[in-house]
Amino acid sequence: MVLCCALTGCNQGKQHVVPFRGKVMYKNQSLTNGSVMFQPENGIHARGNIQADGTFELTTYREGDGATVGKNKVRIVSTVGGNTDASQGETSTGSSTIPESYNDFSTTPLEVEVPPEGKTDAVLVVE
């Protein structure tokens, strides 16, 4: 079994991911909350939370490992308001603070090429 893993690779199902960090901008200002998700053409998505300064760091398999190399559709969700306290009944997500087309992989206009060396200074602009 060990020889089999050594010869064929035990992680054949995993995509090659590289570090990917950046900042999200909307109306020439940092977006201050929400999440970013990258969906590669093949493979599982990467995700990261937007911090108060607009920065994010993507995770695919383990914290901060990055995104899949190649072309990725970019989904950004940022909301205000809403009820997240389940004890008060059904939760709601609130109102989107950015154009709703960015909230879904099928409608987002953003696409990013993740280079083999990764990227630590990306700027995603929501228009």
Protein backbone atom coordinates (compact mmCIF):
# COMPACT_ATOMS: atom_id res chain seq x y z
CA MET A 1 0.00 0.00 0.00
CA VAL A 2 2.76 2.47 0.92
CA LEU A 3 4.63 1.64 -2.31
CA CYS A 4 1.39 2.20 -4.26
CA CYS A 5 1.00 5.68 -2.75
CA ALA A 6 4.64 6.51 -3.43
CA LEU A 7 4.36 5.50 -7.09
CA THR A 8 0.93 6.94 -7.93
CA GLY A 9 0.43 9.70 -5.38
CA CYS A 10 -2.05 9.46 -2.56
CA ASN A 11 -3.71 12.81 -3.30
CA GLN A 12 -4.62 12.33 -6.94
CA GLY A 13 -8.10 13.78 -6.34
CA LYS A 14 -6.83 17.10 -4.99
CA GLN A 15 -6.39 20.08 -7.29
CA HIS A 16 -3.13 22.06 -7.30
CA VAL A 17 -3.77 25.13 -5.14
CA VAL A 18 -1.51 28.12 -4.50
CA PRO A 19 -1.75 31.01 -2.02
CA PHE A 20 -4.15 33.72 -3.10
CA ARG A 21 -4.79 36.89 -1.10
CA GLY A 22 -6.08 40.30 -2.04
CA LYS A 23 -8.51 43.12 -1.49
CA VAL A 24 -12.06 43.81 -2.69
CA MET A 25 -12.92 47.34 -3.86
CA TYR A 26 -16.37 48.82 -4.55
CA LYS A 27 -16.96 52.46 -5.55
CA ASN A 28 -13.25 53.22 -4.97
CA GLN A 29 -13.45 52.03 -1.36
CA SER A 30 -12.59 48.78 0.38
CA LEU A 31 -15.55 46.45 0.81
CA THR A 32 -15.73 45.94 4.58
CA ASN A 33 -17.63 42.66 4.97
CA GLY A 34 -18.76 39.56 3.17
CA SER A 35 -17.11 36.65 1.44
CA VAL A 36 -15.25 35.79 -1.75
CA MET A 37 -15.46 32.44 -3.54
CA PHE A 38 -13.48 31.22 -6.54
CA GLN A 39 -14.89 28.41 -8.71
CA PRO A 40 -12.33 26.81 -11.06
CA GLU A 41 -13.35 25.30 -14.39
CA ASN A 42 -12.70 21.88 -12.81
CA GLY A 43 -12.48 21.23 -9.11
CA ILE A 44 -13.83 22.53 -5.83
CA HIS A 45 -14.23 26.16 -4.89
CA ALA A 46 -12.01 28.27 -2.64
CA ARG A 47 -13.48 30.69 -0.14
CA GLY A 48 -12.46 33.50 2.17
CA ASN A 49 -14.04 36.11 4.42
CA ILE A 50 -13.65 39.80 3.65
CA GLN A 51 -12.05 41.59 6.59
CA ALA A 52 -12.89 45.14 7.79
CA ASP A 53 -10.01 46.53 5.67
CA GLY A 54 -11.28 44.79 2.51
CA THR A 55 -8.65 42.04 2.49
CA PHE A 56 -9.29 38.32 2.06
CA GLU A 57 -7.30 35.07 2.01
CA LEU A 58 -8.62 32.02 0.15
CA THR A 59 -8.91 28.49 1.50
CA THR A 60 -9.63 25.33 -0.49
CA TYR A 61 -8.56 22.31 1.62
CA ARG A 62 -6.96 23.83 4.72
CA GLU A 63 -6.79 27.33 6.18
CA GLY A 64 -5.04 29.78 3.85
CA ASP A 65 -3.82 27.24 1.28
CA GLY A 66 -5.28 29.26 -1.59
CA ALA A 67 -7.13 28.63 -4.85
CA THR A 68 -6.89 26.26 -7.82
CA VAL A 69 -4.43 27.32 -10.52
CA GLY A 70 -6.13 28.45 -13.72
CA LYS A 71 -9.29 30.31 -14.66
CA ASN A 72 -11.76 30.88 -11.81
CA LYS A 73 -15.20 32.53 -11.72
CA VAL A 74 -15.44 34.91 -8.75
CA ARG A 75 -18.49 35.21 -6.52
CA ILE A 76 -18.66 38.03 -3.97
CA VAL A 77 -21.40 38.36 -1.36
CA SER A 78 -21.75 41.36 0.93
CA THR A 79 -24.93 42.19 2.83
CA VAL A 80 -26.23 44.62 5.41
CA GLY A 81 -29.11 44.12 7.82
CA GLY A 82 -30.97 40.88 8.10
CA ASN A 83 -31.57 38.60 11.04
CA THR A 84 -28.92 36.03 11.85
CA ASP A 85 -30.34 35.09 15.28
CA ALA A 86 -32.13 31.76 14.74
CA SER A 87 -33.91 32.11 18.10
CA GLN A 88 -35.92 34.98 16.56
CA GLY A 89 -37.39 32.76 13.85
CA GLU A 90 -36.20 32.21 10.29
CA THR A 91 -32.88 33.90 9.53
CA SER A 92 -32.48 36.27 6.59
CA THR A 93 -29.36 37.41 4.81
CA GLY A 94 -30.24 41.09 4.47
CA SER A 95 -29.77 43.37 1.50
CA SER A 96 -26.86 43.10 -0.89
CA THR A 97 -24.47 46.06 -0.67
CA ILE A 98 -23.10 45.35 -4.15
CA PRO A 99 -24.79 44.58 -7.50
CA GLU A 100 -26.53 41.21 -7.10
CA SER A 101 -24.97 39.81 -10.28
CA TYR A 102 -21.78 39.26 -8.22
CA ASN A 103 -23.69 37.00 -5.77
CA ASP A 104 -23.89 34.00 -8.12
CA PHE A 105 -21.34 32.08 -10.20
CA SER A 106 -23.75 31.98 -13.15
CA THR A 107 -24.13 35.78 -13.35
CA THR A 108 -20.89 37.23 -12.01
CA PRO A 109 -18.87 39.29 -14.47
CA LEU A 110 -15.65 38.60 -12.56
CA GLU A 111 -13.15 35.97 -13.66
CA VAL A 112 -9.59 35.63 -12.40
CA GLU A 113 -6.62 33.66 -13.71
CA VAL A 114 -4.78 32.18 -10.71
CA PRO A 115 -1.09 31.95 -11.71
CA PRO A 116 1.03 28.87 -10.84
CA GLU A 117 3.11 30.95 -8.41
CA GLY A 118 0.01 32.27 -6.60
CA LYS A 119 -0.85 35.89 -5.90
CA THR A 120 -0.73 37.88 -2.68
CA ASP A 121 -1.70 41.36 -3.90
CA ALA A 122 -4.81 40.84 -6.03
CA VAL A 123 -7.37 43.61 -6.30
CA LEU A 124 -10.93 42.58 -7.16
CA VAL A 125 -13.02 45.51 -8.38
CA VAL A 126 -16.81 45.35 -8.10
CA GLU A 127 -18.41 47.78 -10.56
